[in-house]
Each structure stands twice: as C-alpha cells, then as structure tokens.
PDB file of N, CA and C in Angstrom:
ATOM      1  N   MET A   1       0.805  -1.255   0.050  1.00  0.00           N
ATOM      2  CA  MET A   1       0.010  -0.026  -0.065  1.00  0.00           C
ATOM      3  C   MET A   1       0.910   1.336  -0.020  1.00  0.00           C
ATOM      4  N   GLY A   2       1.957   1.327   0.772  1.00  0.00           N
ATOM      5  CA  GLY A   2       2.888   2.550   0.678  1.00  0.00           C
ATOM      6  C   GLY A   2       2.451   3.564   1.632  1.00  0.00           C
ATOM      7  N   HIS A   3       3.098   4.638   1.674  1.00  0.00           N
ATOM      8  CA  HIS A   3       2.949   5.719   2.568  1.00  0.00           C
ATOM      9  C   HIS A   3       2.076   6.769   1.775  1.00  0.00           C
ATOM     10  N   VAL A   4       1.005   7.321   2.312  1.00  0.00           N
ATOM     11  CA  VAL A   4       0.220   8.341   1.618  1.00  0.00           C
ATOM     12  C   VAL A   4       0.700   9.706   2.092  1.00  0.00           C
ATOM     13  N   TYR A   5       0.927  10.628   1.103  1.00  0.00           N
ATOM     14  CA  TYR A   5       1.390  11.992   1.568  1.00  0.00           C
ATOM     15  C   TYR A   5       0.355  13.057   1.149  1.00  0.00           C
ATOM     16  N   GLY A   6       0.168  13.263  -0.205  1.00  0.00           N
ATOM     17  CA  GLY A   6      -0.733  14.276  -0.630  1.00  0.00           C
ATOM     18  C   GLY A   6      -0.140  15.643  -0.462  1.00  0.00           C
ATOM     19  N   VAL A   7       1.080  15.753  -0.708  1.00  0.00           N
ATOM     20  CA  VAL A   7       1.831  16.987  -0.641  1.00  0.00           C
ATOM     21  C   VAL A   7       2.222  17.538  -1.991  1.00  0.00           C
ATOM     22  N   PRO A   8       2.162  18.894  -2.160  1.00  0.00           N
ATOM     23  CA  PRO A   8       2.603  19.581  -3.377  1.00  0.00           C
ATOM     24  C   PRO A   8       3.993  19.290  -3.715  1.00  0.00           C
ATOM     25  N   VAL A   9       4.401  19.085  -4.997  1.00  0.00           N
ATOM     26  CA  VAL A   9       5.656  18.904  -5.410  1.00  0.00           C
ATOM     27  C   VAL A   9       5.853  19.688  -6.781  1.00  0.00           C
ATOM     28  N   ASP A  10       7.025  20.097  -7.063  1.00  0.00           N
ATOM     29  CA  ASP A  10       7.396  20.814  -8.235  1.00  0.00           C
ATOM     30  C   ASP A  10       7.841  19.658  -9.337  1.00  0.00           C
ATOM     31  N   VAL A  11       7.098  19.622 -10.496  1.00  0.00           N
ATOM     32  CA  VAL A  11       7.390  18.580 -11.505  1.00  0.00           C
ATOM     33  C   VAL A  11       7.869  19.192 -12.829  1.00  0.00           C
ATOM     34  N   THR A  12       8.848  18.541 -13.428  1.00  0.00           N
ATOM     35  CA  THR A  12       9.365  19.000 -14.686  1.00  0.00           C
ATOM     36  C   THR A  12       8.717  17.969 -15.741  1.00  0.00           C
ATOM     37  N   GLU A  13       8.140  18.462 -16.738  1.00  0.00           N
ATOM     38  CA  GLU A  13       7.421  17.604 -17.686  1.00  0.00           C
ATOM     39  C   GLU A  13       8.151  17.645 -19.017  1.00  0.00           C
ATOM     40  N   GLN A  14       8.049  16.520 -19.778  1.00  0.00           N
ATOM     41  CA  GLN A  14       8.547  16.556 -21.267  1.00  0.00           C
ATOM     42  C   GLN A  14       7.384  15.736 -21.963  1.00  0.00           C
ATOM     43  N   ASP A  15       6.896  16.335 -22.908  1.00  0.00           N
ATOM     44  CA  ASP A  15       5.788  15.793 -23.718  1.00  0.00           C
ATOM     45  C   ASP A  15       4.655  15.306 -22.842  1.00  0.00           C
ATOM     46  N   GLY A  16       4.305  16.042 -21.726  1.00  0.00           N
ATOM     47  CA  GLY A  16       3.195  15.811 -20.964  1.00  0.00           C
ATOM     48  C   GLY A  16       3.523  14.704 -19.800  1.00  0.00           C
ATOM     49  N   ARG A  17       4.708  14.215 -19.851  1.00  0.00           N
ATOM     50  CA  ARG A  17       5.044  13.187 -18.865  1.00  0.00           C
ATOM     51  C   ARG A  17       6.004  13.677 -17.819  1.00  0.00           C
ATOM     52  N   PRO A  18       5.872  13.218 -16.449  1.00  0.00           N
ATOM     53  CA  PRO A  18       6.879  13.791 -15.549  1.00  0.00           C
ATOM     54  C   PRO A  18       8.190  13.121 -15.801  1.00  0.00           C
ATOM     55  N   VAL A  19       9.287  13.988 -15.726  1.00  0.00           N
ATOM     56  CA  VAL A  19      10.637  13.383 -15.888  1.00  0.00           C
ATOM     57  C   VAL A  19      11.493  13.706 -14.704  1.00  0.00           C
ATOM     58  N   ARG A  20      11.072  14.634 -13.811  1.00  0.00           N
ATOM     59  CA  ARG A  20      11.748  14.970 -12.603  1.00  0.00           C
ATOM     60  C   ARG A  20      10.742  15.729 -11.637  1.00  0.00           C
ATOM     61  N   PHE A  21      11.019  15.457 -10.362  1.00  0.00           N
ATOM     62  CA  PHE A  21      10.236  16.222  -9.442  1.00  0.00           C
ATOM     63  C   PHE A  21      11.077  16.487  -8.202  1.00  0.00           C
ATOM     64  N   VAL A  22      10.699  17.548  -7.483  1.00  0.00           N
ATOM     65  CA  VAL A  22      11.391  17.961  -6.286  1.00  0.00           C
ATOM     66  C   VAL A  22      10.491  17.819  -5.063  1.00  0.00           C
ATOM     67  N   TRP A  23      10.980  17.071  -4.014  1.00  0.00           N
ATOM     68  CA  TRP A  23      10.224  16.743  -2.853  1.00  0.00           C
ATOM     69  C   TRP A  23      11.113  16.898  -1.681  1.00  0.00           C
ATOM     70  N   GLU A  24      10.767  17.758  -0.792  1.00  0.00           N
ATOM     71  CA  GLU A  24      11.512  18.103   0.382  1.00  0.00           C
ATOM     72  C   GLU A  24      13.053  18.416   0.003  1.00  0.00           C
ATOM     73  N   ARG A  25      13.057  19.288  -1.043  1.00  0.00           N
ATOM     74  CA  ARG A  25      14.354  19.910  -1.473  1.00  0.00           C
ATOM     75  C   ARG A  25      15.268  18.869  -2.149  1.00  0.00           C
ATOM     76  N   ARG A  26      14.748  17.769  -2.409  1.00  0.00           N
ATOM     77  CA  ARG A  26      15.506  16.750  -3.121  1.00  0.00           C
ATOM     78  C   ARG A  26      15.034  16.555  -4.500  1.00  0.00           C
ATOM     79  N   VAL A  27      15.973  16.340  -5.490  1.00  0.00           N
ATOM     80  CA  VAL A  27      15.456  16.147  -6.892  1.00  0.00           C
ATOM     81  C   VAL A  27      15.491  14.576  -7.050  1.00  0.00           C
ATOM     82  N   TYR A  28      14.381  14.150  -7.739  1.00  0.00           N
ATOM     83  CA  TYR A  28      14.100  12.786  -8.051  1.00  0.00           C
ATOM     84  C   TYR A  28      13.940  12.730  -9.567  1.00  0.00           C
ATOM     85  N   ASN A  29      14.768  11.892 -10.257  1.00  0.00           N
ATOM     86  CA  ASN A  29      14.812  11.699 -11.664  1.00  0.00           C
ATOM     87  C   ASN A  29      13.866  10.516 -11.949  1.00  0.00           C
ATOM     88  N   VAL A  30      12.843  10.563 -12.810  1.00  0.00           N
ATOM     89  CA  VAL A  30      11.976   9.505 -13.177  1.00  0.00           C
ATOM     90  C   VAL A  30      12.791   8.625 -14.100  1.00  0.00           C
ATOM     91  N   ARG A  31      12.867   7.409 -13.588  1.00  0.00           N
ATOM     92  CA  ARG A  31      13.688   6.343 -14.493  1.00  0.00           C
ATOM     93  C   ARG A  31      12.742   5.511 -15.277  1.00  0.00           C
ATOM     94  N   HIS A  32      11.575   5.285 -14.809  1.00  0.00           N
ATOM     95  CA  HIS A  32      10.694   4.441 -15.534  1.00  0.00           C
ATOM     96  C   HIS A  32       9.154   4.819 -15.174  1.00  0.00           C
ATOM     97  N   ILE A  33       8.240   4.925 -16.106  1.00  0.00           N
ATOM     98  CA  ILE A  33       6.930   5.089 -15.838  1.00  0.00           C
ATOM     99  C   ILE A  33       6.235   3.647 -15.749  1.00  0.00           C
ATOM    100  N   VAL A  34       5.698   3.427 -14.572  1.00  0.00           N
ATOM    101  CA  VAL A  34       5.122   2.078 -14.244  1.00  0.00           C
ATOM    102  C   VAL A  34       3.679   1.969 -14.678  1.00  0.00           C
ATOM    103  N   ASP A  35       2.895   3.170 -14.546  1.00  0.00           N
ATOM    104  CA  ASP A  35       1.546   3.099 -14.818  1.00  0.00           C
ATOM    105  C   ASP A  35       1.046   4.455 -15.006  1.00  0.00           C
ATOM    106  N   HIS A  36      -0.006   4.692 -15.780  1.00  0.00           N
ATOM    107  CA  HIS A  36      -0.621   5.934 -15.943  1.00  0.00           C
ATOM    108  C   HIS A  36      -2.105   5.832 -16.095  1.00  0.00           C
ATOM    109  N   TRP A  37      -2.933   6.559 -15.483  1.00  0.00           N
ATOM    110  CA  TRP A  37      -4.409   6.571 -15.725  1.00  0.00           C
ATOM    111  C   TRP A  37      -4.949   7.959 -15.398  1.00  0.00           C
ATOM    112  N   VAL A  38      -6.133   8.168 -15.795  1.00  0.00           N
ATOM    113  CA  VAL A  38      -6.862   9.399 -15.574  1.00  0.00           C
ATOM    114  C   VAL A  38      -8.209   9.183 -14.962  1.00  0.00           C
ATOM    115  N   THR A  39      -8.462  10.073 -13.993  1.00  0.00           N
ATOM    116  CA  THR A  39      -9.808  10.049 -13.386  1.00  0.00           C
ATOM    117  C   THR A  39     -10.446  11.318 -13.410  1.00  0.00           C
ATOM    118  N   LEU A  40     -11.857  11.431 -13.508  1.00  0.00           N
ATOM    119  CA  LEU A  40     -12.568  12.629 -13.494  1.00  0.00           C
ATOM    120  C   LEU A  40     -12.694  13.117 -12.011  1.00  0.00           C
ATOM    121  N   ARG A  41     -12.686  14.381 -11.816  1.00  0.00           N
ATOM    122  CA  ARG A  41     -12.844  15.046 -10.492  1.00  0.00           C
ATOM    123  C   ARG A  41     -14.291  14.829 -10.169  1.00  0.00           C
ATOM    124  N   ALA A  42     -14.659  14.116  -9.046  1.00  0.00           N
ATOM    125  CA  ALA A  42     -15.965  13.877  -8.649  1.00  0.00           C
ATOM    126  C   ALA A  42     -16.587  15.185  -7.992  1.00  0.00           C
ATOM    127  N   ASP A  43     -15.789  16.130  -7.587  1.00  0.00           N
ATOM    128  CA  ASP A  43     -16.265  17.394  -6.994  1.00  0.00           C
ATOM    129  C   ASP A  43     -16.685  18.344  -7.951  1.00  0.00           C
ATOM    130  N   TRP A  44     -16.721  18.198  -9.256  1.00  0.00           N
ATOM    131  CA  TRP A  44     -17.054  19.083 -10.202  1.00  0.00           C
ATOM    132  C   TRP A  44     -18.291  18.786 -10.905  1.00  0.00           C
ATOM    133  N   PRO A  45     -19.335  19.708 -10.806  1.00  0.00           N
ATOM    134  CA  PRO A  45     -20.666  19.483 -11.552  1.00  0.00           C
ATOM    135  C   PRO A  45     -20.485  19.203 -12.980  1.00  0.00           C
ATOM    136  N   SER A  46     -21.050  18.149 -13.594  1.00  0.00           N
ATOM    137  CA  SER A  46     -20.791  17.852 -14.903  1.00  0.00           C
ATOM    138  C   SER A  46     -21.405  18.898 -15.915  1.00  0.00           C
ATOM    139  N   GLU A  47     -22.343  19.669 -15.604  1.00  0.00           N
ATOM    140  CA  GLU A  47     -22.875  20.581 -16.412  1.00  0.00           C
ATOM    141  C   GLU A  47     -22.085  21.949 -16.348  1.00  0.00           C
ATOM    142  N   ALA A  48     -21.090  21.988 -15.533  1.00  0.00           N
ATOM    143  CA  ALA A  48     -20.387  23.267 -15.236  1.00  0.00           C
ATOM    144  C   ALA A  48     -19.596  23.754 -16.415  1.00  0.00           C
ATOM    145  N   GLN A  49     -18.825  22.762 -17.058  1.00  0.00           N
ATOM    146  CA  GLN A  49     -17.978  23.148 -18.233  1.00  0.00           C
ATOM    147  C   GLN A  49     -18.065  22.021 -19.248  1.00  0.00           C
ATOM    148  N   GLU A  50     -17.624  22.437 -20.482  1.00  0.00           N
ATOM    149  CA  GLU A  50     -17.652  21.545 -21.594  1.00  0.00           C
ATOM    150  C   GLU A  50     -16.495  20.473 -21.252  1.00  0.00           C
ATOM    151  N   ARG A  51     -15.427  20.809 -20.810  1.00  0.00           N
ATOM    152  CA  ARG A  51     -14.357  19.837 -20.562  1.00  0.00           C
ATOM    153  C   ARG A  51     -14.166  19.638 -19.095  1.00  0.00           C
ATOM    154  N   LEU A  52     -14.541  18.469 -18.641  1.00  0.00           N
ATOM    155  CA  LEU A  52     -14.387  18.242 -17.181  1.00  0.00           C
ATOM    156  C   LEU A  52     -12.955  18.120 -16.578  1.00  0.00           C
ATOM    157  N   PRO A  53     -12.780  18.736 -15.512  1.00  0.00           N
ATOM    158  CA  PRO A  53     -11.459  18.678 -14.890  1.00  0.00           C
ATOM    159  C   PRO A  53     -11.109  17.209 -14.604  1.00  0.00           C
ATOM    160  N   GLN A  54      -9.870  16.921 -14.807  1.00  0.00           N
ATOM    161  CA  GLN A  54      -9.498  15.513 -14.539  1.00  0.00           C
ATOM    162  C   GLN A  54      -8.139  15.472 -13.730  1.00  0.00           C
ATOM    163  N   ARG A  55      -7.861  14.375 -13.194  1.00  0.00           N
ATOM    164  CA  ARG A  55      -6.665  14.156 -12.453  1.00  0.00           C
ATOM    165  C   ARG A  55      -5.852  12.989 -13.083  1.00  0.00           C
ATOM    166  N   GLU A  56      -4.742  13.385 -13.509  1.00  0.00           N
ATOM    167  CA  GLU A  56      -3.762  12.360 -14.087  1.00  0.00           C
ATOM    168  C   GLU A  56      -2.915  11.723 -13.042  1.00  0.00           C
ATOM    169  N   HIS A  57      -2.875  10.403 -12.963  1.00  0.00           N
ATOM    170  CA  HIS A  57      -1.998   9.725 -12.099  1.00  0.00           C
ATOM    171  C   HIS A  57      -0.933   9.104 -12.848  1.00  0.00           C
ATOM    172  N   TRP A  58       0.308   9.203 -12.228  1.00  0.00           N
ATOM    173  CA  TRP A  58       1.511   8.652 -12.822  1.00  0.00           C
ATOM    174  C   TRP A  58       2.226   7.802 -11.634  1.00  0.00           C
ATOM    175  N   ARG A  59       2.375   6.564 -11.894  1.00  0.00           N
ATOM    176  CA  ARG A  59       3.153   5.760 -10.963  1.00  0.00           C
ATOM    177  C   ARG A  59       4.589   5.596 -11.619  1.00  0.00           C
ATOM    178  N   VAL A  60       5.627   6.127 -10.916  1.00  0.00           N
ATOM    179  CA  VAL A  60       6.887   6.080 -11.540  1.00  0.00           C
ATOM    180  C   VAL A  60       7.946   5.496 -10.587  1.00  0.00           C
ATOM    181  N   GLU A  61       8.949   4.898 -11.153  1.00  0.00           N
ATOM    182  CA  GLU A  61      10.186   4.687 -10.463  1.00  0.00           C
ATOM    183  C   GLU A  61      11.082   5.707 -10.572  1.00  0.00           C
ATOM    184  N   ALA A  62      11.629   6.288  -9.413  1.00  0.00           N
ATOM    185  CA  ALA A  62      12.497   7.358  -9.503  1.00  0.00           C
ATOM    186  C   ALA A  62      13.417   7.431  -8.435  1.00  0.00           C
ATOM    187  N   GLY A  63      14.579   8.181  -8.538  1.00  0.00           N
ATOM    188  CA  GLY A  63      15.519   8.225  -7.539  1.00  0.00           C
ATOM    189  C   GLY A  63      16.434   9.496  -7.641  1.00  0.00           C
ATOM    190  N   GLY A  64      17.139   9.659  -6.587  1.00  0.00           N
ATOM    191  CA  GLY A  64      18.131  10.691  -6.558  1.00  0.00           C
ATOM    192  C   GLY A  64      18.892  10.685  -5.178  1.00  0.00           C
ATOM    193  N   ARG A  65      20.164  10.772  -5.400  1.00  0.00           N
ATOM    194  CA  ARG A  65      21.091  10.824  -4.162  1.00  0.00           C
ATOM    195  C   ARG A  65      20.812   9.704  -3.129  1.00  0.00           C
ATOM    196  N   GLY A  66      20.849   8.405  -3.679  1.00  0.00           N
ATOM    197  CA  GLY A  66      20.687   7.350  -2.911  1.00  0.00           C
ATOM    198  C   GLY A  66      19.328   6.997  -2.473  1.00  0.00           C
ATOM    199  N   ALA A  67      18.329   7.778  -2.607  1.00  0.00           N
ATOM    200  CA  ALA A  67      16.916   7.494  -2.453  1.00  0.00           C
ATOM    201  C   ALA A  67      16.301   6.974  -3.707  1.00  0.00           C
ATOM    202  N   ARG A  68      15.783   5.808  -3.661  1.00  0.00           N
ATOM    203  CA  ARG A  68      15.074   5.138  -4.888  1.00  0.00           C
ATOM    204  C   ARG A  68      13.749   4.481  -4.412  1.00  0.00           C
ATOM    205  N   GLY A  69      12.793   4.645  -5.240  1.00  0.00           N
ATOM    206  CA  GLY A  69      11.426   4.012  -4.920  1.00  0.00           C
ATOM    207  C   GLY A  69      10.479   4.249  -5.938  1.00  0.00           C
ATOM    208  N   VAL A  70       9.169   3.863  -5.666  1.00  0.00           N
ATOM    209  CA  VAL A  70       8.192   4.051  -6.465  1.00  0.00           C
ATOM    210  C   VAL A  70       7.235   5.084  -5.984  1.00  0.00           C
ATOM    211  N   TYR A  71       6.853   6.049  -6.834  1.00  0.00           N
ATOM    212  CA  TYR A  71       6.051   7.204  -6.345  1.00  0.00           C
ATOM    213  C   TYR A  71       4.877   7.341  -7.185  1.00  0.00           C
ATOM    214  N   GLU A  72       3.733   7.915  -6.637  1.00  0.00           N
ATOM    215  CA  GLU A  72       2.680   8.191  -7.340  1.00  0.00           C
ATOM    216  C   GLU A  72       2.351   9.694  -7.448  1.00  0.00           C
ATOM    217  N   LEU A  73       2.537  10.224  -8.575  1.00  0.00           N
ATOM    218  CA  LEU A  73       2.338  11.676  -8.739  1.00  0.00           C
ATOM    219  C   LEU A  73       0.982  11.896  -9.372  1.00  0.00           C
ATOM    220  N   GLN A  74       0.281  13.035  -9.034  1.00  0.00           N
ATOM    221  CA  GLN A  74      -1.004  13.400  -9.538  1.00  0.00           C
ATOM    222  C   GLN A  74      -1.066  14.769 -10.014  1.00  0.00           C
ATOM    223  N   HIS A  75      -1.463  14.906 -11.254  1.00  0.00           N
ATOM    224  CA  HIS A  75      -1.691  16.250 -11.748  1.00  0.00           C
ATOM    225  C   HIS A  75      -3.084  16.631 -11.861  1.00  0.00           C
ATOM    226  N   ASP A  76      -3.519  17.713 -11.379  1.00  0.00           N
ATOM    227  CA  ASP A  76      -4.944  18.163 -11.437  1.00  0.00           C
ATOM    228  C   ASP A  76      -5.049  19.226 -12.451  1.00  0.00           C
ATOM    229  N   SER A  77      -5.949  18.941 -13.482  1.00  0.00           N
ATOM    230  CA  SER A  77      -5.994  19.891 -14.695  1.00  0.00           C
ATOM    231  C   SER A  77      -6.683  21.268 -14.167  1.00  0.00           C
ATOM    232  N   ALA A  78      -7.618  21.178 -13.218  1.00  0.00           N
ATOM    233  CA  ALA A  78      -8.276  22.386 -12.831  1.00  0.00           C
ATOM    234  C   ALA A  78      -7.360  23.395 -12.140  1.00  0.00           C
ATOM    235  N   SER A  79      -6.346  22.861 -11.386  1.00  0.00           N
ATOM    236  CA  SER A  79      -5.511  23.818 -10.576  1.00  0.00           C
ATOM    237  C   SER A  79      -4.190  23.819 -11.205  1.00  0.00           C
ATOM    238  N   ASP A  80      -3.923  22.930 -12.202  1.00  0.00           N
ATOM    239  CA  ASP A  80      -2.588  22.849 -12.783  1.00  0.00           C
ATOM    240  C   ASP A  80      -1.481  22.466 -11.734  1.00  0.00           C
ATOM    241  N   ARG A  81      -1.882  21.814 -10.651  1.00  0.00           N
ATOM    242  CA  ARG A  81      -0.966  21.576  -9.510  1.00  0.00           C
ATOM    243  C   ARG A  81      -0.591  20.018  -9.619  1.00  0.00           C
ATOM    244  N   TRP A  82       0.581  19.698  -9.006  1.00  0.00           N
ATOM    245  CA  TRP A  82       1.006  18.447  -8.866  1.00  0.00           C
ATOM    246  C   TRP A  82       1.133  18.029  -7.426  1.00  0.00           C
ATOM    247  N   LEU A  83       0.855  16.719  -7.132  1.00  0.00           N
ATOM    248  CA  LEU A  83       0.875  16.244  -5.709  1.00  0.00           C
ATOM    249  C   LEU A  83       1.613  14.984  -5.788  1.00  0.00           C
ATOM    250  N   LEU A  84       2.325  14.755  -4.687  1.00  0.00           N
ATOM    251  CA  LEU A  84       2.889  13.422  -4.457  1.00  0.00           C
ATOM    252  C   LEU A  84       1.973  12.754  -3.544  1.00  0.00           C
ATOM    253  N   ALA A  85       1.301  11.810  -4.197  1.00  0.00           N
ATOM    254  CA  ALA A  85       0.160  11.069  -3.445  1.00  0.00           C
ATOM    255  C   ALA A  85       0.605   9.874  -2.580  1.00  0.00           C
ATOM    256  N   ARG A  86       1.557   9.212  -3.115  1.00  0.00           N
ATOM    257  CA  ARG A  86       1.992   7.862  -2.406  1.00  0.00           C
ATOM    258  C   ARG A  86       3.362   7.535  -2.678  1.00  0.00           C
ATOM    259  N   VAL A  87       4.079   6.886  -1.638  1.00  0.00           N
ATOM    260  CA  VAL A  87       5.454   6.381  -1.874  1.00  0.00           C
ATOM    261  C   VAL A  87       5.543   5.030  -1.536  1.00  0.00           C
ATOM    262  N   TRP A  88       6.145   4.249  -2.255  1.00  0.00           N
ATOM    263  CA  TRP A  88       6.399   2.827  -1.897  1.00  0.00           C
ATOM    264  C   TRP A  88       8.045   2.713  -1.736  1.00  0.00           C
ATOM    265  N   ASP A  89       8.527   2.294  -0.686  1.00  0.00           N
ATOM    266  CA  ASP A  89       9.938   2.172  -0.600  1.00  0.00           C
ATOM    267  C   ASP A  89      10.571   0.925  -1.057  1.00  0.00           C
TER     268      ASP A  89
END
C-alpha cells in the first residue's frame, strides 16, 4: 500500500510526462513510468464546463542521491498542480 502523503511537488514535464520532481528539497529523476491513468474529478458538476477537470495519475520509479522508490504523482487539470500522493519504498 505504501505511505500516503498528498503534498505539493514541483514537477518537470516532457511531452506531458513527468521526468523530474522535487520533494523536500531533493531532486528525483524519473527512471521508468510504471503506470498512468486518468480520473474525472468527482467534486465538479458535470454541467459546469464543456471539458471536465481531470486528475492524471503517474506511478513512476524514481531516484536521486541514494533514495530510490516508486512514487505516485497526481496532476490536477483544474488547478494545474502536482501532488505526491503515495510512496512505496
């Protein structure tokens, strides 16, 4: 199951995919994308906009300076913010 965090992170993207993120002042380079999926935000009324806000989930293998693990990053299209949702050591 891993540890759940839900904290904001700075993410560098390339072609819409995360390639690097900064968490607690450490830089993590994405080595491999394990999984990717999209969910619609349940808190948004369906008639509110033509394009529903969505949340992209990226499960990645990443590491930096001795720390290596599997991380779940989430990008929210409505706020354009990234979160570190979960970490597996």
